[in-house]
Amino acid sequence: MEFVVYILYSEKFDKTYVGYTSSLIERFKSHNSLANSGFTLKFRPWKVVYIDVYFDKSMALKKEKWLKSGNGRTFIAELKKNGFISA
């Protein structure tokens, strides 16, 4: 089974969201149209701007946690600064 760590970007609000899932397409649908509550509801529409695929759930969770840390936020800011995450 694959586990995907992803970064979503809301161009309209200049926001990013980090998550992980075993079904990226279904999770993306949830963030953009199915969910009735939560953080991602407020900042729609989202686009997927980064993915990392793992075959080990614990490694995927470790990467997600890192992306949500100070170092991970710096990494995401660098992606934006260098044009990898943009409008």
N, C-alpha and C. Protein backbone atom coordinates (compact mmCIF):
# COMPACT_ATOMS: atom_id res chain seq x y z
N MET A 1 0.84 -1.19 0.00
CA MET A 1 0.00 0.00 0.00
C MET A 1 0.88 1.24 0.00
N GLU A 2 0.45 2.25 -0.72
CA GLU A 2 1.17 3.51 -0.78
C GLU A 2 0.58 4.52 0.20
N PHE A 3 1.45 5.35 0.75
CA PHE A 3 1.04 6.44 1.61
C PHE A 3 1.62 7.72 1.02
N VAL A 4 0.77 8.71 0.85
CA VAL A 4 1.17 9.95 0.19
C VAL A 4 1.15 11.11 1.19
N VAL A 5 2.26 11.80 1.28
CA VAL A 5 2.34 13.04 2.04
C VAL A 5 2.19 14.15 1.01
N TYR A 6 1.34 15.11 1.30
CA TYR A 6 1.04 16.13 0.30
C TYR A 6 0.97 17.52 0.90
N ILE A 7 1.19 18.49 0.02
CA ILE A 7 0.98 19.89 0.38
C ILE A 7 -0.06 20.43 -0.59
N LEU A 8 -1.10 21.02 -0.02
CA LEU A 8 -2.11 21.71 -0.81
C LEU A 8 -1.83 23.21 -0.74
N TYR A 9 -2.23 23.92 -1.77
CA TYR A 9 -2.06 25.36 -1.80
C TYR A 9 -3.35 26.03 -2.23
N SER A 10 -3.76 27.04 -1.46
CA SER A 10 -4.91 27.86 -1.82
C SER A 10 -4.37 29.19 -2.36
N GLU A 11 -4.45 29.33 -3.65
CA GLU A 11 -3.96 30.54 -4.32
C GLU A 11 -4.75 31.76 -3.85
N LYS A 12 -6.05 31.60 -3.72
CA LYS A 12 -6.92 32.71 -3.34
C LYS A 12 -6.56 33.30 -1.99
N PHE A 13 -6.15 32.44 -1.04
CA PHE A 13 -5.84 32.89 0.31
C PHE A 13 -4.36 32.80 0.66
N ASP A 14 -3.53 32.34 -0.28
CA ASP A 14 -2.09 32.16 -0.06
C ASP A 14 -1.83 31.32 1.20
N LYS A 15 -2.51 30.18 1.28
CA LYS A 15 -2.38 29.26 2.42
C LYS A 15 -1.89 27.91 1.93
N THR A 16 -1.15 27.21 2.79
CA THR A 16 -0.76 25.84 2.51
C THR A 16 -1.34 24.93 3.57
N TYR A 17 -1.49 23.66 3.21
CA TYR A 17 -2.00 22.64 4.12
C TYR A 17 -1.19 21.37 3.88
N VAL A 18 -0.75 20.74 4.94
CA VAL A 18 0.04 19.50 4.86
C VAL A 18 -0.80 18.36 5.40
N GLY A 19 -0.78 17.23 4.69
CA GLY A 19 -1.50 16.05 5.16
C GLY A 19 -0.88 14.78 4.62
N TYR A 20 -1.48 13.67 5.01
CA TYR A 20 -1.04 12.38 4.47
C TYR A 20 -2.27 11.50 4.31
N THR A 21 -2.21 10.58 3.35
CA THR A 21 -3.35 9.73 3.05
C THR A 21 -2.88 8.48 2.31
N SER A 22 -3.76 7.50 2.24
CA SER A 22 -3.47 6.33 1.40
C SER A 22 -4.27 6.42 0.10
N SER A 23 -5.08 7.48 -0.04
CA SER A 23 -5.86 7.68 -1.27
C SER A 23 -5.91 9.17 -1.60
N LEU A 24 -4.92 9.64 -2.33
CA LEU A 24 -4.79 11.08 -2.59
C LEU A 24 -6.00 11.65 -3.33
N ILE A 25 -6.49 10.96 -4.32
CA ILE A 25 -7.61 11.49 -5.11
C ILE A 25 -8.85 11.67 -4.24
N GLU A 26 -9.18 10.66 -3.45
CA GLU A 26 -10.36 10.77 -2.57
C GLU A 26 -10.17 11.85 -1.51
N ARG A 27 -8.97 11.94 -0.98
CA ARG A 27 -8.70 12.95 0.05
C ARG A 27 -8.77 14.36 -0.55
N PHE A 28 -8.25 14.51 -1.76
CA PHE A 28 -8.31 15.81 -2.44
C PHE A 28 -9.76 16.22 -2.69
N LYS A 29 -10.59 15.27 -3.12
CA LYS A 29 -12.02 15.56 -3.31
C LYS A 29 -12.64 16.03 -2.00
N SER A 30 -12.27 15.37 -0.92
CA SER A 30 -12.80 15.74 0.39
C SER A 30 -12.41 17.17 0.75
N HIS A 31 -11.15 17.52 0.56
CA HIS A 31 -10.69 18.87 0.89
C HIS A 31 -11.40 19.92 0.03
N ASN A 32 -11.65 19.62 -1.22
CA ASN A 32 -12.19 20.63 -2.14
C ASN A 32 -13.71 20.66 -2.22
N SER A 33 -14.40 19.58 -1.88
CA SER A 33 -15.85 19.65 -2.06
C SER A 33 -16.68 18.84 -1.07
N LEU A 34 -16.18 17.75 -0.53
CA LEU A 34 -17.02 16.89 0.29
C LEU A 34 -17.09 17.29 1.77
N ALA A 35 -16.00 17.77 2.32
CA ALA A 35 -15.95 18.07 3.75
C ALA A 35 -16.92 19.21 4.11
N ASN A 36 -17.53 19.07 5.29
CA ASN A 36 -18.48 20.09 5.78
C ASN A 36 -17.90 20.92 6.91
N SER A 37 -16.71 20.56 7.39
CA SER A 37 -16.09 21.32 8.46
C SER A 37 -14.58 21.15 8.37
N GLY A 38 -13.87 21.95 9.15
CA GLY A 38 -12.41 21.85 9.21
C GLY A 38 -11.70 23.00 8.53
N PHE A 39 -10.40 23.02 8.71
CA PHE A 39 -9.54 24.09 8.21
C PHE A 39 -9.65 24.26 6.70
N THR A 40 -9.61 23.16 5.96
CA THR A 40 -9.55 23.28 4.50
C THR A 40 -10.84 23.82 3.90
N LEU A 41 -11.94 23.71 4.60
CA LEU A 41 -13.22 24.22 4.12
C LEU A 41 -13.15 25.73 3.88
N LYS A 42 -12.47 26.44 4.77
CA LYS A 42 -12.44 27.91 4.73
C LYS A 42 -11.61 28.49 3.59
N PHE A 43 -10.71 27.69 3.03
CA PHE A 43 -9.74 28.24 2.09
C PHE A 43 -9.81 27.59 0.71
N ARG A 44 -10.94 27.06 0.33
CA ARG A 44 -11.12 26.45 -0.99
C ARG A 44 -11.06 27.50 -2.09
N PRO A 45 -10.65 27.17 -3.27
CA PRO A 45 -10.23 25.86 -3.76
C PRO A 45 -8.74 25.60 -3.47
N TRP A 46 -8.39 24.33 -3.41
CA TRP A 46 -7.03 23.87 -3.18
C TRP A 46 -6.48 23.22 -4.44
N LYS A 47 -5.15 23.27 -4.57
CA LYS A 47 -4.49 22.48 -5.60
C LYS A 47 -3.33 21.74 -4.94
N VAL A 48 -3.03 20.56 -5.45
CA VAL A 48 -1.91 19.77 -4.93
C VAL A 48 -0.64 20.33 -5.55
N VAL A 49 0.32 20.72 -4.71
CA VAL A 49 1.55 21.32 -5.22
C VAL A 49 2.80 20.49 -4.89
N TYR A 50 2.64 19.46 -4.04
CA TYR A 50 3.79 18.65 -3.64
C TYR A 50 3.30 17.31 -3.15
N ILE A 51 3.97 16.25 -3.57
CA ILE A 51 3.67 14.92 -3.02
C ILE A 51 4.97 14.16 -2.80
N ASP A 52 4.93 13.29 -1.81
CA ASP A 52 5.99 12.33 -1.52
C ASP A 52 5.30 11.00 -1.29
N VAL A 53 5.74 9.95 -1.95
CA VAL A 53 5.11 8.65 -1.84
C VAL A 53 5.99 7.71 -1.01
N TYR A 54 5.37 7.03 -0.06
CA TYR A 54 6.07 6.08 0.81
C TYR A 54 5.33 4.75 0.79
N PHE A 55 6.06 3.67 1.03
CA PHE A 55 5.44 2.36 1.17
C PHE A 55 5.43 1.93 2.63
N ASP A 56 5.85 2.81 3.50
CA ASP A 56 5.90 2.56 4.93
C ASP A 56 5.12 3.69 5.63
N LYS A 57 4.05 3.33 6.31
CA LYS A 57 3.18 4.32 6.94
C LYS A 57 3.94 5.18 7.96
N SER A 58 4.82 4.55 8.73
CA SER A 58 5.54 5.30 9.76
C SER A 58 6.46 6.35 9.14
N MET A 59 7.05 6.05 7.99
CA MET A 59 7.90 7.03 7.30
C MET A 59 7.06 8.18 6.77
N ALA A 60 5.88 7.89 6.25
CA ALA A 60 4.99 8.93 5.76
C ALA A 60 4.56 9.86 6.91
N LEU A 61 4.21 9.27 8.04
CA LEU A 61 3.82 10.08 9.19
C LEU A 61 4.98 10.93 9.70
N LYS A 62 6.18 10.38 9.64
CA LYS A 62 7.37 11.12 10.06
C LYS A 62 7.59 12.33 9.13
N LYS A 63 7.42 12.13 7.83
CA LYS A 63 7.59 13.24 6.87
C LYS A 63 6.51 14.30 7.07
N GLU A 64 5.27 13.86 7.28
CA GLU A 64 4.18 14.83 7.53
C GLU A 64 4.50 15.66 8.76
N LYS A 65 4.91 15.00 9.82
CA LYS A 65 5.24 15.70 11.07
C LYS A 65 6.38 16.69 10.83
N TRP A 66 7.39 16.29 10.05
CA TRP A 66 8.52 17.18 9.76
C TRP A 66 8.04 18.41 8.98
N LEU A 67 7.18 18.19 7.96
CA LEU A 67 6.68 19.32 7.18
C LEU A 67 5.89 20.32 8.03
N LYS A 68 5.31 19.84 9.12
CA LYS A 68 4.54 20.71 10.01
C LYS A 68 5.42 21.36 11.08
N SER A 69 6.70 20.98 11.14
CA SER A 69 7.64 21.53 12.11
C SER A 69 8.20 22.85 11.59
N GLY A 70 9.00 23.51 12.41
CA GLY A 70 9.65 24.74 11.99
C GLY A 70 10.53 24.54 10.76
N ASN A 71 11.31 23.46 10.74
CA ASN A 71 12.17 23.19 9.58
C ASN A 71 11.32 22.90 8.34
N GLY A 72 10.24 22.19 8.51
CA GLY A 72 9.35 21.90 7.39
C GLY A 72 8.69 23.15 6.84
N ARG A 73 8.27 24.03 7.73
CA ARG A 73 7.67 25.30 7.28
C ARG A 73 8.69 26.15 6.54
N THR A 74 9.94 26.09 6.98
CA THR A 74 11.01 26.78 6.26
C THR A 74 11.18 26.17 4.87
N PHE A 75 11.15 24.84 4.77
CA PHE A 75 11.24 24.14 3.49
C PHE A 75 10.11 24.58 2.56
N ILE A 76 8.89 24.65 3.09
CA ILE A 76 7.74 25.07 2.28
C ILE A 76 7.90 26.53 1.84
N ALA A 77 8.39 27.38 2.74
CA ALA A 77 8.62 28.79 2.38
C ALA A 77 9.66 28.89 1.26
N GLU A 78 10.67 28.04 1.30
CA GLU A 78 11.69 28.02 0.24
C GLU A 78 11.08 27.56 -1.09
N LEU A 79 10.20 26.57 -1.03
CA LEU A 79 9.51 26.14 -2.25
C LEU A 79 8.74 27.31 -2.87
N LYS A 80 8.04 28.06 -2.02
CA LYS A 80 7.28 29.22 -2.50
C LYS A 80 8.22 30.28 -3.06
N LYS A 81 9.29 30.57 -2.33
CA LYS A 81 10.25 31.60 -2.74
C LYS A 81 10.87 31.27 -4.10
N ASN A 82 11.13 29.99 -4.34
CA ASN A 82 11.77 29.56 -5.58
C ASN A 82 10.78 29.23 -6.69
N GLY A 83 9.50 29.52 -6.47
CA GLY A 83 8.50 29.37 -7.53
C GLY A 83 7.92 27.98 -7.70
N PHE A 84 8.23 27.04 -6.79
CA PHE A 84 7.67 25.70 -6.90
C PHE A 84 6.24 25.64 -6.39
N ILE A 85 5.89 26.59 -5.55
CA ILE A 85 4.50 26.76 -5.11
C ILE A 85 4.13 28.19 -5.47
N SER A 86 3.21 28.32 -6.43
CA SER A 86 2.84 29.67 -6.86
C SER A 86 1.46 29.68 -7.48
N ALA A 87 1.03 30.87 -7.75
CA ALA A 87 -0.29 31.08 -8.35
C ALA A 87 -0.35 30.51 -9.74
